[in-house]
Amino acid sequence: PTAPPSNIHASKKGFTSLTISWDALNVFTKNGDVKGYKIYYRGPGLAGTKSAIVLGKANCQYTITGLRQNSTYQFILQVINDIGPGPYSIFIPISTLPLR
């Protein structure tokens, strides 16, 4: 791929979880068959950077659990096609909800 996923955002926020969503690549930037996406994230309570693989070109969201409440996490994504991984997105900060 010649471009990273775009419009990365939290489609659902919880106290200890976040559902991250993004737009699929268009036909001009995917350069092959999309196999899935890789999400990297870091933040409070995590030892280093964690990652998750989302398989399938139609899967444009992923829920991450086990996070701390009222905390900000940094996310980057990349597309994986039949040739390999594409470029990284920029870091996107997203926060879990605080207890009231």
N, C-alpha and C. Protein backbone atom coordinates (compact mmCIF):
# COMPACT_ATOMS: atom_id res chain seq x y z
N PRO A 1 0.83 -1.20 0.00
CA PRO A 1 0.00 0.00 0.00
C PRO A 1 0.87 1.26 0.00
N THR A 2 0.37 2.30 -0.61
CA THR A 2 1.12 3.55 -0.65
C THR A 2 0.60 4.57 0.36
N ALA A 3 -0.44 4.23 1.10
CA ALA A 3 -1.00 5.15 2.09
C ALA A 3 -1.44 4.36 3.33
N PRO A 4 -1.44 5.01 4.48
CA PRO A 4 -1.94 4.36 5.69
C PRO A 4 -3.46 4.49 5.77
N PRO A 5 -4.09 3.79 6.70
CA PRO A 5 -5.52 4.01 6.93
C PRO A 5 -5.77 5.47 7.34
N SER A 6 -6.95 5.97 7.04
CA SER A 6 -7.28 7.35 7.38
C SER A 6 -8.51 7.39 8.27
N ASN A 7 -8.81 8.57 8.78
CA ASN A 7 -9.97 8.81 9.63
C ASN A 7 -9.99 7.86 10.83
N ILE A 8 -8.85 7.70 11.47
CA ILE A 8 -8.74 6.83 12.65
C ILE A 8 -9.38 7.55 13.83
N HIS A 9 -10.31 6.87 14.49
CA HIS A 9 -11.03 7.48 15.60
C HIS A 9 -11.63 6.39 16.50
N ALA A 10 -12.11 6.80 17.65
CA ALA A 10 -12.80 5.88 18.55
C ALA A 10 -14.28 5.91 18.21
N SER A 11 -14.81 4.79 17.74
CA SER A 11 -16.24 4.73 17.44
C SER A 11 -17.04 4.37 18.69
N LYS A 12 -16.34 3.88 19.71
CA LYS A 12 -16.99 3.58 20.99
C LYS A 12 -15.93 3.67 22.08
N LYS A 13 -16.27 4.38 23.15
CA LYS A 13 -15.35 4.51 24.28
C LYS A 13 -15.98 3.89 25.52
N GLY A 14 -15.15 3.18 26.28
CA GLY A 14 -15.57 2.64 27.56
C GLY A 14 -14.61 3.08 28.64
N PHE A 15 -14.84 2.61 29.85
CA PHE A 15 -13.95 2.94 30.96
C PHE A 15 -12.59 2.26 30.80
N THR A 16 -12.61 1.02 30.32
CA THR A 16 -11.36 0.26 30.17
C THR A 16 -11.22 -0.34 28.77
N SER A 17 -11.96 0.18 27.81
CA SER A 17 -11.87 -0.33 26.44
C SER A 17 -12.11 0.79 25.43
N LEU A 18 -11.59 0.58 24.24
CA LEU A 18 -11.78 1.51 23.13
C LEU A 18 -12.02 0.70 21.86
N THR A 19 -13.01 1.08 21.08
CA THR A 19 -13.19 0.51 19.76
C THR A 19 -12.65 1.52 18.76
N ILE A 20 -11.61 1.12 18.06
CA ILE A 20 -10.93 1.97 17.10
C ILE A 20 -11.48 1.65 15.71
N SER A 21 -11.83 2.68 14.96
CA SER A 21 -12.36 2.52 13.60
C SER A 21 -11.54 3.36 12.63
N TRP A 22 -11.58 2.98 11.36
CA TRP A 22 -10.83 3.70 10.33
C TRP A 22 -11.47 3.45 8.98
N ASP A 23 -11.09 4.25 7.99
CA ASP A 23 -11.59 4.08 6.63
C ASP A 23 -10.67 3.14 5.86
N ALA A 24 -11.28 2.30 5.04
CA ALA A 24 -10.51 1.40 4.18
C ALA A 24 -9.79 2.21 3.10
N LEU A 25 -8.71 1.65 2.58
CA LEU A 25 -7.98 2.32 1.50
C LEU A 25 -8.80 2.31 0.21
N ASN A 26 -8.58 3.32 -0.61
CA ASN A 26 -9.26 3.32 -1.91
C ASN A 26 -8.45 2.49 -2.91
N VAL A 27 -9.03 2.24 -4.04
CA VAL A 27 -8.43 1.36 -5.04
C VAL A 27 -7.09 1.89 -5.55
N PHE A 28 -6.86 3.19 -5.48
CA PHE A 28 -5.63 3.78 -6.00
C PHE A 28 -4.45 3.66 -5.04
N THR A 29 -4.70 3.41 -3.77
CA THR A 29 -3.60 3.36 -2.79
C THR A 29 -3.37 1.98 -2.18
N LYS A 30 -4.28 1.04 -2.40
CA LYS A 30 -4.08 -0.26 -1.75
C LYS A 30 -3.06 -1.14 -2.48
N ASN A 31 -2.89 -0.97 -3.79
CA ASN A 31 -1.85 -1.67 -4.57
C ASN A 31 -1.79 -3.17 -4.31
N GLY A 32 -2.89 -3.84 -4.42
CA GLY A 32 -2.96 -5.27 -4.22
C GLY A 32 -4.14 -5.61 -3.32
N ASP A 33 -4.25 -6.86 -2.97
CA ASP A 33 -5.34 -7.31 -2.11
C ASP A 33 -5.01 -7.03 -0.65
N VAL A 34 -5.89 -6.30 0.02
CA VAL A 34 -5.71 -6.03 1.44
C VAL A 34 -5.96 -7.31 2.23
N LYS A 35 -5.01 -7.67 3.08
CA LYS A 35 -5.13 -8.87 3.92
C LYS A 35 -5.61 -8.52 5.32
N GLY A 36 -5.35 -7.28 5.75
CA GLY A 36 -5.75 -6.86 7.08
C GLY A 36 -5.05 -5.59 7.49
N TYR A 37 -5.08 -5.34 8.80
CA TYR A 37 -4.51 -4.11 9.36
C TYR A 37 -3.73 -4.47 10.62
N LYS A 38 -2.72 -3.68 10.92
CA LYS A 38 -1.98 -3.87 12.17
C LYS A 38 -2.12 -2.59 12.98
N ILE A 39 -2.49 -2.76 14.24
CA ILE A 39 -2.67 -1.65 15.16
C ILE A 39 -1.56 -1.72 16.20
N TYR A 40 -0.89 -0.61 16.42
CA TYR A 40 0.10 -0.50 17.49
C TYR A 40 -0.43 0.54 18.47
N TYR A 41 -0.26 0.26 19.75
CA TYR A 41 -0.72 1.24 20.74
C TYR A 41 0.16 1.21 21.98
N ARG A 42 0.20 2.37 22.64
CA ARG A 42 1.00 2.50 23.86
C ARG A 42 0.28 3.48 24.77
N GLY A 43 0.58 3.35 26.06
CA GLY A 43 -0.05 4.24 27.03
C GLY A 43 0.19 3.77 28.44
N PRO A 44 -0.48 4.39 29.42
CA PRO A 44 -0.27 4.07 30.83
C PRO A 44 -0.56 2.60 31.15
N GLY A 45 0.31 2.02 31.94
CA GLY A 45 0.10 0.65 32.39
C GLY A 45 0.55 -0.41 31.40
N LEU A 46 1.04 0.00 30.24
CA LEU A 46 1.51 -0.96 29.25
C LEU A 46 3.03 -0.98 29.22
N ALA A 47 3.58 -2.17 29.17
CA ALA A 47 5.03 -2.31 29.07
C ALA A 47 5.42 -2.23 27.60
N GLY A 48 5.82 -1.05 27.16
CA GLY A 48 6.20 -0.87 25.76
C GLY A 48 4.99 -0.72 24.86
N THR A 49 5.21 -0.98 23.58
CA THR A 49 4.15 -0.87 22.58
C THR A 49 3.50 -2.22 22.37
N LYS A 50 2.19 -2.25 22.35
CA LYS A 50 1.43 -3.47 22.09
C LYS A 50 0.95 -3.44 20.65
N SER A 51 0.58 -4.60 20.12
CA SER A 51 0.05 -4.63 18.77
C SER A 51 -1.07 -5.65 18.65
N ALA A 52 -1.88 -5.44 17.64
CA ALA A 52 -2.97 -6.36 17.33
C ALA A 52 -3.10 -6.42 15.82
N ILE A 53 -3.42 -7.59 15.30
CA ILE A 53 -3.63 -7.75 13.87
C ILE A 53 -5.12 -7.97 13.63
N VAL A 54 -5.66 -7.20 12.70
CA VAL A 54 -7.07 -7.31 12.32
C VAL A 54 -7.10 -7.91 10.92
N LEU A 55 -7.60 -9.13 10.80
CA LEU A 55 -7.60 -9.81 9.52
C LEU A 55 -8.86 -9.48 8.73
N GLY A 56 -8.71 -9.41 7.42
CA GLY A 56 -9.84 -9.18 6.53
C GLY A 56 -9.93 -7.74 6.07
N LYS A 57 -10.11 -7.56 4.77
CA LYS A 57 -10.15 -6.21 4.22
C LYS A 57 -11.39 -5.44 4.63
N ALA A 58 -12.46 -6.13 4.99
CA ALA A 58 -13.71 -5.45 5.35
C ALA A 58 -13.76 -5.09 6.83
N ASN A 59 -12.84 -5.61 7.62
CA ASN A 59 -12.82 -5.32 9.06
C ASN A 59 -12.10 -4.01 9.30
N CYS A 60 -12.85 -2.95 9.55
CA CYS A 60 -12.27 -1.62 9.75
C CYS A 60 -12.54 -1.11 11.15
N GLN A 61 -12.55 -2.04 12.10
CA GLN A 61 -12.64 -1.63 13.50
C GLN A 61 -12.11 -2.76 14.38
N TYR A 62 -11.69 -2.38 15.58
CA TYR A 62 -11.13 -3.35 16.52
C TYR A 62 -11.32 -2.81 17.93
N THR A 63 -11.73 -3.69 18.85
CA THR A 63 -11.91 -3.30 20.25
C THR A 63 -10.72 -3.77 21.08
N ILE A 64 -10.14 -2.84 21.81
CA ILE A 64 -9.01 -3.12 22.69
C ILE A 64 -9.52 -3.01 24.12
N THR A 65 -9.27 -4.05 24.90
CA THR A 65 -9.74 -4.09 26.29
C THR A 65 -8.55 -4.10 27.25
N GLY A 66 -8.85 -4.01 28.54
CA GLY A 66 -7.80 -4.07 29.55
C GLY A 66 -7.04 -2.77 29.70
N LEU A 67 -7.64 -1.66 29.30
CA LEU A 67 -6.99 -0.36 29.41
C LEU A 67 -7.36 0.29 30.74
N ARG A 68 -6.67 1.35 31.09
CA ARG A 68 -6.96 2.10 32.31
C ARG A 68 -8.02 3.17 32.04
N GLN A 69 -8.86 3.38 33.04
CA GLN A 69 -9.88 4.43 32.89
C GLN A 69 -9.23 5.81 32.87
N ASN A 70 -9.89 6.75 32.22
CA ASN A 70 -9.46 8.15 32.17
C ASN A 70 -7.99 8.28 31.76
N SER A 71 -7.58 7.51 30.76
CA SER A 71 -6.19 7.50 30.30
C SER A 71 -6.14 7.68 28.80
N THR A 72 -5.06 8.32 28.34
CA THR A 72 -4.88 8.56 26.91
C THR A 72 -3.88 7.56 26.35
N TYR A 73 -4.25 6.95 25.25
CA TYR A 73 -3.41 5.99 24.55
C TYR A 73 -3.10 6.53 23.15
N GLN A 74 -1.95 6.15 22.64
CA GLN A 74 -1.51 6.57 21.31
C GLN A 74 -1.64 5.37 20.36
N PHE A 75 -2.25 5.59 19.21
CA PHE A 75 -2.47 4.53 18.23
C PHE A 75 -1.85 4.90 16.89
N ILE A 76 -1.24 3.90 16.24
CA ILE A 76 -0.86 4.03 14.83
C ILE A 76 -1.33 2.76 14.14
N LEU A 77 -1.65 2.88 12.86
CA LEU A 77 -2.13 1.74 12.08
C LEU A 77 -1.36 1.64 10.78
N GLN A 78 -1.37 0.44 10.22
CA GLN A 78 -0.85 0.24 8.88
C GLN A 78 -1.66 -0.85 8.20
N VAL A 79 -1.70 -0.79 6.89
CA VAL A 79 -2.41 -1.77 6.08
C VAL A 79 -1.42 -2.86 5.67
N ILE A 80 -1.90 -4.09 5.63
CA ILE A 80 -1.09 -5.21 5.15
C ILE A 80 -1.77 -5.75 3.89
N ASN A 81 -1.02 -5.78 2.78
CA ASN A 81 -1.58 -6.39 1.57
C ASN A 81 -0.77 -7.63 1.22
N ASP A 82 -1.02 -8.19 0.04
CA ASP A 82 -0.35 -9.44 -0.32
C ASP A 82 1.15 -9.26 -0.55
N ILE A 83 1.64 -8.03 -0.64
CA ILE A 83 3.07 -7.77 -0.80
C ILE A 83 3.75 -7.53 0.54
N GLY A 84 3.01 -6.96 1.49
CA GLY A 84 3.58 -6.67 2.80
C GLY A 84 2.89 -5.47 3.44
N PRO A 85 3.49 -4.95 4.52
CA PRO A 85 2.88 -3.81 5.22
C PRO A 85 3.13 -2.49 4.50
N GLY A 86 2.18 -1.58 4.65
CA GLY A 86 2.30 -0.24 4.08
C GLY A 86 2.83 0.74 5.10
N PRO A 87 2.78 2.04 4.78
CA PRO A 87 3.29 3.06 5.69
C PRO A 87 2.41 3.19 6.94
N TYR A 88 3.03 3.71 7.99
CA TYR A 88 2.30 3.94 9.24
C TYR A 88 1.47 5.21 9.15
N SER A 89 0.36 5.20 9.87
CA SER A 89 -0.40 6.44 10.05
C SER A 89 0.34 7.31 11.06
N ILE A 90 -0.13 8.51 11.27
CA ILE A 90 0.41 9.32 12.35
C ILE A 90 -0.15 8.80 13.67
N PHE A 91 0.50 9.14 14.79
CA PHE A 91 -0.02 8.76 16.09
C PHE A 91 -1.32 9.51 16.35
N ILE A 92 -2.32 8.78 16.80
CA ILE A 92 -3.62 9.35 17.13
C ILE A 92 -3.87 9.14 18.62
N PRO A 93 -4.04 10.21 19.41
CA PRO A 93 -4.34 10.05 20.84
C PRO A 93 -5.84 9.85 21.06
N ILE A 94 -6.19 8.83 21.83
CA ILE A 94 -7.59 8.55 22.16
C ILE A 94 -7.66 8.18 23.63
N SER A 95 -8.65 8.72 24.33
CA SER A 95 -8.76 8.52 25.78
C SER A 95 -9.95 7.64 26.15
N THR A 96 -9.75 6.84 27.20
CA THR A 96 -10.85 6.09 27.79
C THR A 96 -11.69 7.04 28.64
N LEU A 97 -12.86 6.59 29.04
CA LEU A 97 -13.77 7.42 29.83
C LEU A 97 -13.37 7.45 31.30
N PRO A 98 -13.62 8.57 31.97
CA PRO A 98 -13.40 8.63 33.42
C PRO A 98 -14.62 8.09 34.16
N LEU A 99 -14.40 7.57 35.36
CA LEU A 99 -15.53 7.22 36.21
C LEU A 99 -16.16 8.51 36.70
N ARG A 100 -17.44 8.50 36.86
CA ARG A 100 -18.12 9.74 37.29
C ARG A 100 -18.33 9.78 38.76
